[in-house]
Amino acid sequence: MEEYCFDGFRFDGITSMLYHHHGIGTGFSGDYSEYFGLQVDEESLVYLMLSNHILHTLYPNCITIAEDVSGMPALCRRVEEGGLGFDYRLAMAIPDKWIQINRTGWRASENKRF
């Protein structure tokens, strides 16, 4: 932080850390059973909580960003409140869709909803 004058850290792809299934082939609908159960990697939760706690304790103005597609509840709550301690969540589902559309092309006639 001091040597390179960083403002904070972005933790990339934490969905693959949070779950034993790494988020592969899983659609997250918002049901709490998807976020709290045996599929959650508790060691990863502790690592992320500890990382955020240390960073925010040593550098109070530090910004931490979690790139997560699962929508894990309490991701951006303080560690003291039982959260993972991130300041912001970067949801990549929409940007990933735009990348896919730009690569494959988009035609209104093929994407009618009604």
N, C-alpha and C. Protein backbone atom coordinates (compact mmCIF):
# COMPACT_ATOMS: atom_id res chain seq x y z
N MET A 1 0.83 -1.18 0.00
CA MET A 1 0.00 0.00 0.00
C MET A 1 0.88 1.25 0.00
N GLU A 2 1.87 1.26 0.85
CA GLU A 2 2.70 2.46 0.97
C GLU A 2 3.72 2.56 -0.16
N GLU A 3 4.37 1.46 -0.47
CA GLU A 3 5.45 1.49 -1.46
C GLU A 3 4.95 1.83 -2.86
N TYR A 4 3.81 1.26 -3.24
CA TYR A 4 3.28 1.48 -4.58
C TYR A 4 2.14 2.50 -4.62
N CYS A 5 1.82 3.07 -3.46
CA CYS A 5 0.76 4.09 -3.35
C CYS A 5 -0.59 3.60 -3.87
N PHE A 6 -0.95 2.36 -3.54
CA PHE A 6 -2.25 1.82 -3.91
C PHE A 6 -3.33 2.45 -3.04
N ASP A 7 -4.54 2.57 -3.60
CA ASP A 7 -5.69 3.03 -2.83
C ASP A 7 -6.41 1.85 -2.17
N GLY A 8 -6.16 0.66 -2.68
CA GLY A 8 -6.83 -0.51 -2.16
C GLY A 8 -6.56 -1.73 -3.02
N PHE A 9 -7.41 -2.72 -2.87
CA PHE A 9 -7.24 -3.98 -3.58
C PHE A 9 -8.56 -4.45 -4.18
N ARG A 10 -8.47 -5.06 -5.34
CA ARG A 10 -9.60 -5.75 -5.95
C ARG A 10 -9.33 -7.24 -5.83
N PHE A 11 -10.24 -7.95 -5.21
CA PHE A 11 -10.14 -9.40 -5.08
C PHE A 11 -10.94 -9.99 -6.24
N ASP A 12 -10.24 -10.55 -7.20
CA ASP A 12 -10.84 -11.01 -8.45
C ASP A 12 -11.37 -12.44 -8.32
N GLY A 13 -12.57 -12.66 -8.83
CA GLY A 13 -13.13 -14.01 -8.91
C GLY A 13 -13.34 -14.70 -7.58
N ILE A 14 -13.86 -13.99 -6.59
CA ILE A 14 -13.99 -14.63 -5.28
C ILE A 14 -15.10 -15.68 -5.24
N THR A 15 -15.98 -15.68 -6.24
CA THR A 15 -17.01 -16.72 -6.28
C THR A 15 -16.38 -18.10 -6.29
N SER A 16 -15.28 -18.24 -7.02
CA SER A 16 -14.60 -19.54 -7.08
C SER A 16 -13.94 -19.89 -5.75
N MET A 17 -13.69 -18.91 -4.93
CA MET A 17 -13.12 -19.17 -3.60
C MET A 17 -14.21 -19.51 -2.59
N LEU A 18 -15.35 -18.85 -2.70
CA LEU A 18 -16.38 -18.95 -1.67
C LEU A 18 -17.07 -20.31 -1.61
N TYR A 19 -17.10 -21.03 -2.72
CA TYR A 19 -17.87 -22.26 -2.79
C TYR A 19 -16.99 -23.42 -3.24
N HIS A 20 -17.26 -24.59 -2.68
CA HIS A 20 -16.52 -25.79 -3.08
C HIS A 20 -16.76 -26.12 -4.56
N HIS A 21 -17.94 -25.79 -5.07
CA HIS A 21 -18.25 -26.04 -6.48
C HIS A 21 -17.71 -24.93 -7.38
N HIS A 22 -17.09 -23.91 -6.78
CA HIS A 22 -16.47 -22.78 -7.48
C HIS A 22 -17.45 -21.97 -8.31
N GLY A 23 -18.73 -22.14 -8.08
CA GLY A 23 -19.74 -21.40 -8.83
C GLY A 23 -19.99 -21.94 -10.23
N ILE A 24 -19.34 -23.04 -10.56
CA ILE A 24 -19.45 -23.61 -11.91
C ILE A 24 -20.78 -24.36 -12.04
N GLY A 25 -21.54 -24.00 -13.05
CA GLY A 25 -22.82 -24.66 -13.30
C GLY A 25 -23.87 -24.36 -12.27
N THR A 26 -23.71 -23.30 -11.53
CA THR A 26 -24.64 -22.95 -10.46
C THR A 26 -25.30 -21.62 -10.79
N GLY A 27 -26.61 -21.62 -10.75
CA GLY A 27 -27.36 -20.37 -10.90
C GLY A 27 -27.78 -19.89 -9.53
N PHE A 28 -27.39 -18.69 -9.18
CA PHE A 28 -27.72 -18.16 -7.86
C PHE A 28 -29.01 -17.36 -7.96
N SER A 29 -30.06 -17.85 -7.30
CA SER A 29 -31.39 -17.23 -7.40
C SER A 29 -31.69 -16.29 -6.25
N GLY A 30 -30.88 -16.32 -5.21
CA GLY A 30 -31.13 -15.49 -4.04
C GLY A 30 -31.62 -16.26 -2.84
N ASP A 31 -31.85 -17.56 -3.00
CA ASP A 31 -32.28 -18.40 -1.88
C ASP A 31 -31.11 -18.57 -0.91
N TYR A 32 -31.35 -18.32 0.36
CA TYR A 32 -30.28 -18.38 1.35
C TYR A 32 -29.59 -19.73 1.42
N SER A 33 -30.29 -20.81 1.05
CA SER A 33 -29.66 -22.13 1.10
C SER A 33 -28.50 -22.23 0.10
N GLU A 34 -28.47 -21.37 -0.90
CA GLU A 34 -27.37 -21.36 -1.86
C GLU A 34 -26.11 -20.72 -1.29
N TYR A 35 -26.28 -19.88 -0.29
CA TYR A 35 -25.16 -19.13 0.28
C TYR A 35 -24.68 -19.66 1.62
N PHE A 36 -25.53 -20.38 2.31
CA PHE A 36 -25.16 -20.87 3.63
C PHE A 36 -25.43 -22.37 3.70
N GLY A 37 -24.38 -23.16 3.66
CA GLY A 37 -24.52 -24.60 3.70
C GLY A 37 -23.16 -25.25 3.53
N LEU A 38 -23.19 -26.54 3.30
CA LEU A 38 -21.94 -27.30 3.18
C LEU A 38 -21.13 -26.92 1.94
N GLN A 39 -21.77 -26.32 0.93
CA GLN A 39 -21.05 -25.94 -0.28
C GLN A 39 -20.17 -24.70 -0.09
N VAL A 40 -20.33 -23.99 1.01
CA VAL A 40 -19.53 -22.79 1.28
C VAL A 40 -18.19 -23.20 1.89
N ASP A 41 -17.12 -22.63 1.37
CA ASP A 41 -15.77 -22.90 1.85
C ASP A 41 -15.47 -21.94 3.00
N GLU A 42 -15.57 -22.45 4.22
CA GLU A 42 -15.41 -21.62 5.41
C GLU A 42 -14.00 -21.05 5.53
N GLU A 43 -13.00 -21.78 5.08
CA GLU A 43 -11.63 -21.27 5.14
C GLU A 43 -11.45 -20.04 4.26
N SER A 44 -12.12 -20.02 3.12
CA SER A 44 -12.07 -18.85 2.25
C SER A 44 -12.77 -17.67 2.89
N LEU A 45 -13.89 -17.93 3.55
CA LEU A 45 -14.58 -16.85 4.26
C LEU A 45 -13.68 -16.21 5.30
N VAL A 46 -13.00 -17.05 6.07
CA VAL A 46 -12.11 -16.55 7.12
C VAL A 46 -10.95 -15.76 6.51
N TYR A 47 -10.38 -16.28 5.42
CA TYR A 47 -9.28 -15.58 4.74
C TYR A 47 -9.72 -14.19 4.28
N LEU A 48 -10.89 -14.10 3.64
CA LEU A 48 -11.36 -12.81 3.14
C LEU A 48 -11.70 -11.85 4.28
N MET A 49 -12.31 -12.38 5.34
CA MET A 49 -12.61 -11.54 6.50
C MET A 49 -11.33 -11.02 7.14
N LEU A 50 -10.35 -11.90 7.30
CA LEU A 50 -9.08 -11.52 7.91
C LEU A 50 -8.34 -10.51 7.04
N SER A 51 -8.33 -10.73 5.73
CA SER A 51 -7.66 -9.80 4.82
C SER A 51 -8.27 -8.41 4.91
N ASN A 52 -9.59 -8.35 4.89
CA ASN A 52 -10.26 -7.05 4.99
C ASN A 52 -10.06 -6.39 6.34
N HIS A 53 -10.10 -7.19 7.39
CA HIS A 53 -9.89 -6.64 8.73
C HIS A 53 -8.49 -6.04 8.87
N ILE A 54 -7.49 -6.78 8.41
CA ILE A 54 -6.10 -6.28 8.50
C ILE A 54 -5.92 -5.03 7.65
N LEU A 55 -6.40 -5.07 6.41
CA LEU A 55 -6.25 -3.91 5.53
C LEU A 55 -6.93 -2.67 6.10
N HIS A 56 -8.16 -2.82 6.58
CA HIS A 56 -8.89 -1.66 7.10
C HIS A 56 -8.37 -1.20 8.46
N THR A 57 -7.73 -2.09 9.20
CA THR A 57 -7.13 -1.68 10.47
C THR A 57 -5.84 -0.91 10.24
N LEU A 58 -4.99 -1.43 9.35
CA LEU A 58 -3.71 -0.77 9.08
C LEU A 58 -3.86 0.47 8.21
N TYR A 59 -4.83 0.44 7.30
CA TYR A 59 -5.04 1.53 6.35
C TYR A 59 -6.53 1.89 6.33
N PRO A 60 -6.98 2.74 7.24
CA PRO A 60 -8.42 3.04 7.36
C PRO A 60 -9.06 3.58 6.07
N ASN A 61 -8.29 4.22 5.21
CA ASN A 61 -8.84 4.76 3.96
C ASN A 61 -8.74 3.79 2.79
N CYS A 62 -8.29 2.59 3.05
CA CYS A 62 -8.14 1.57 2.02
C CYS A 62 -9.50 1.16 1.46
N ILE A 63 -9.54 0.90 0.17
CA ILE A 63 -10.77 0.44 -0.49
C ILE A 63 -10.56 -1.00 -0.95
N THR A 64 -11.50 -1.88 -0.61
CA THR A 64 -11.43 -3.25 -1.09
C THR A 64 -12.68 -3.54 -1.91
N ILE A 65 -12.46 -4.21 -3.04
CA ILE A 65 -13.54 -4.51 -3.98
C ILE A 65 -13.56 -6.02 -4.21
N ALA A 66 -14.73 -6.61 -4.13
CA ALA A 66 -14.91 -8.04 -4.37
C ALA A 66 -15.60 -8.24 -5.71
N GLU A 67 -14.97 -8.98 -6.61
CA GLU A 67 -15.60 -9.33 -7.88
C GLU A 67 -16.31 -10.66 -7.67
N ASP A 68 -17.65 -10.58 -7.57
CA ASP A 68 -18.45 -11.75 -7.20
C ASP A 68 -19.71 -11.80 -8.05
N VAL A 69 -20.02 -12.97 -8.57
CA VAL A 69 -21.24 -13.13 -9.36
C VAL A 69 -22.35 -13.84 -8.60
N SER A 70 -22.07 -14.30 -7.39
CA SER A 70 -23.07 -15.08 -6.66
C SER A 70 -24.04 -14.20 -5.88
N GLY A 71 -23.64 -13.01 -5.51
CA GLY A 71 -24.50 -12.16 -4.69
C GLY A 71 -24.50 -12.56 -3.23
N MET A 72 -23.37 -13.05 -2.76
CA MET A 72 -23.23 -13.50 -1.36
C MET A 72 -23.72 -12.41 -0.39
N PRO A 73 -24.72 -12.73 0.45
CA PRO A 73 -25.20 -11.76 1.43
C PRO A 73 -24.09 -11.37 2.41
N ALA A 74 -24.11 -10.15 2.85
CA ALA A 74 -23.16 -9.59 3.82
C ALA A 74 -21.75 -9.46 3.28
N LEU A 75 -21.59 -9.53 1.99
CA LEU A 75 -20.26 -9.38 1.38
C LEU A 75 -19.66 -8.01 1.72
N CYS A 76 -20.49 -7.00 1.71
CA CYS A 76 -20.01 -5.63 1.96
C CYS A 76 -20.42 -5.10 3.33
N ARG A 77 -20.66 -5.98 4.25
CA ARG A 77 -20.87 -5.57 5.65
C ARG A 77 -19.54 -5.65 6.37
N ARG A 78 -19.37 -4.83 7.38
CA ARG A 78 -18.12 -4.84 8.15
C ARG A 78 -17.93 -6.19 8.83
N VAL A 79 -16.67 -6.55 9.03
CA VAL A 79 -16.35 -7.82 9.69
C VAL A 79 -16.96 -7.84 11.09
N GLU A 80 -16.94 -6.71 11.78
CA GLU A 80 -17.50 -6.63 13.13
C GLU A 80 -19.00 -6.92 13.15
N GLU A 81 -19.64 -6.77 12.00
CA GLU A 81 -21.08 -7.02 11.89
C GLU A 81 -21.37 -8.42 11.35
N GLY A 82 -20.33 -9.21 11.14
CA GLY A 82 -20.50 -10.56 10.63
C GLY A 82 -20.36 -10.68 9.13
N GLY A 83 -19.97 -9.59 8.48
CA GLY A 83 -19.80 -9.62 7.03
C GLY A 83 -18.37 -9.96 6.64
N LEU A 84 -18.11 -9.90 5.34
CA LEU A 84 -16.76 -10.18 4.85
C LEU A 84 -15.88 -8.94 4.82
N GLY A 85 -16.47 -7.75 4.95
CA GLY A 85 -15.70 -6.54 5.12
C GLY A 85 -15.33 -5.77 3.87
N PHE A 86 -15.87 -6.15 2.71
CA PHE A 86 -15.55 -5.42 1.49
C PHE A 86 -16.28 -4.08 1.45
N ASP A 87 -15.67 -3.12 0.76
CA ASP A 87 -16.31 -1.81 0.59
C ASP A 87 -17.28 -1.81 -0.58
N TYR A 88 -16.92 -2.55 -1.65
CA TYR A 88 -17.74 -2.58 -2.85
C TYR A 88 -17.77 -3.98 -3.44
N ARG A 89 -18.86 -4.25 -4.17
CA ARG A 89 -19.00 -5.50 -4.91
C ARG A 89 -19.05 -5.17 -6.38
N LEU A 90 -18.23 -5.85 -7.16
CA LEU A 90 -18.24 -5.70 -8.61
C LEU A 90 -18.91 -6.94 -9.18
N ALA A 91 -20.12 -6.76 -9.69
CA ALA A 91 -20.87 -7.86 -10.28
C ALA A 91 -20.54 -7.93 -11.77
N MET A 92 -19.93 -9.02 -12.19
CA MET A 92 -19.44 -9.13 -13.56
C MET A 92 -20.44 -9.75 -14.53
N ALA A 93 -21.63 -10.11 -14.09
CA ALA A 93 -22.58 -10.77 -14.98
C ALA A 93 -22.97 -9.86 -16.15
N ILE A 94 -23.26 -8.60 -15.87
CA ILE A 94 -23.67 -7.68 -16.94
C ILE A 94 -22.50 -7.36 -17.86
N PRO A 95 -21.32 -6.98 -17.36
CA PRO A 95 -20.19 -6.75 -18.28
C PRO A 95 -19.83 -7.99 -19.10
N ASP A 96 -19.91 -9.17 -18.50
CA ASP A 96 -19.62 -10.40 -19.25
C ASP A 96 -20.62 -10.61 -20.38
N LYS A 97 -21.89 -10.27 -20.13
CA LYS A 97 -22.91 -10.39 -21.18
C LYS A 97 -22.62 -9.42 -22.32
N TRP A 98 -22.20 -8.20 -22.00
CA TRP A 98 -21.87 -7.22 -23.04
C TRP A 98 -20.68 -7.70 -23.87
N ILE A 99 -19.71 -8.30 -23.24
CA ILE A 99 -18.56 -8.84 -23.98
C ILE A 99 -19.02 -9.94 -24.93
N GLN A 100 -19.89 -10.81 -24.44
CA GLN A 100 -20.42 -11.89 -25.29
C GLN A 100 -21.19 -11.31 -26.48
N ILE A 101 -22.02 -10.31 -26.24
CA ILE A 101 -22.80 -9.70 -27.32
C ILE A 101 -21.87 -9.04 -28.33
N ASN A 102 -20.85 -8.35 -27.87
CA ASN A 102 -19.92 -7.68 -28.77
C ASN A 102 -19.14 -8.68 -29.62
N ARG A 103 -18.84 -9.83 -29.07
CA ARG A 103 -18.08 -10.83 -29.83
C ARG A 103 -18.95 -11.55 -30.86
N THR A 104 -20.18 -11.86 -30.49
CA THR A 104 -21.03 -12.66 -31.36
C THR A 104 -21.96 -11.82 -32.22
N GLY A 105 -22.12 -10.57 -31.89
CA GLY A 105 -23.06 -9.72 -32.62
C GLY A 105 -24.44 -9.82 -32.00
N TRP A 106 -25.26 -8.81 -32.27
CA TRP A 106 -26.59 -8.77 -31.70
C TRP A 106 -27.55 -8.30 -32.76
N ARG A 107 -28.64 -9.03 -32.91
CA ARG A 107 -29.67 -8.65 -33.87
C ARG A 107 -31.00 -8.59 -33.14
N ALA A 108 -31.68 -7.49 -33.29
CA ALA A 108 -32.96 -7.30 -32.62
C ALA A 108 -33.96 -8.39 -33.00
N SER A 109 -33.92 -8.82 -34.24
CA SER A 109 -34.88 -9.83 -34.70
C SER A 109 -34.67 -11.17 -34.00
N GLU A 110 -33.44 -11.44 -33.53
CA GLU A 110 -33.15 -12.70 -32.86
C GLU A 110 -33.34 -12.61 -31.35
N ASN A 111 -33.56 -11.42 -30.84
CA ASN A 111 -33.63 -11.23 -29.38
C ASN A 111 -34.94 -10.63 -28.93
N LYS A 112 -36.02 -10.98 -29.60
CA LYS A 112 -37.34 -10.47 -29.20
C LYS A 112 -37.80 -11.25 -27.97
N ARG A 113 -38.37 -10.53 -27.04
CA ARG A 113 -38.89 -11.18 -25.84
C ARG A 113 -40.35 -11.54 -26.00
N PHE A 114 -41.10 -10.78 -26.81
CA PHE A 114 -42.53 -11.02 -26.91
C PHE A 114 -42.91 -11.33 -28.33
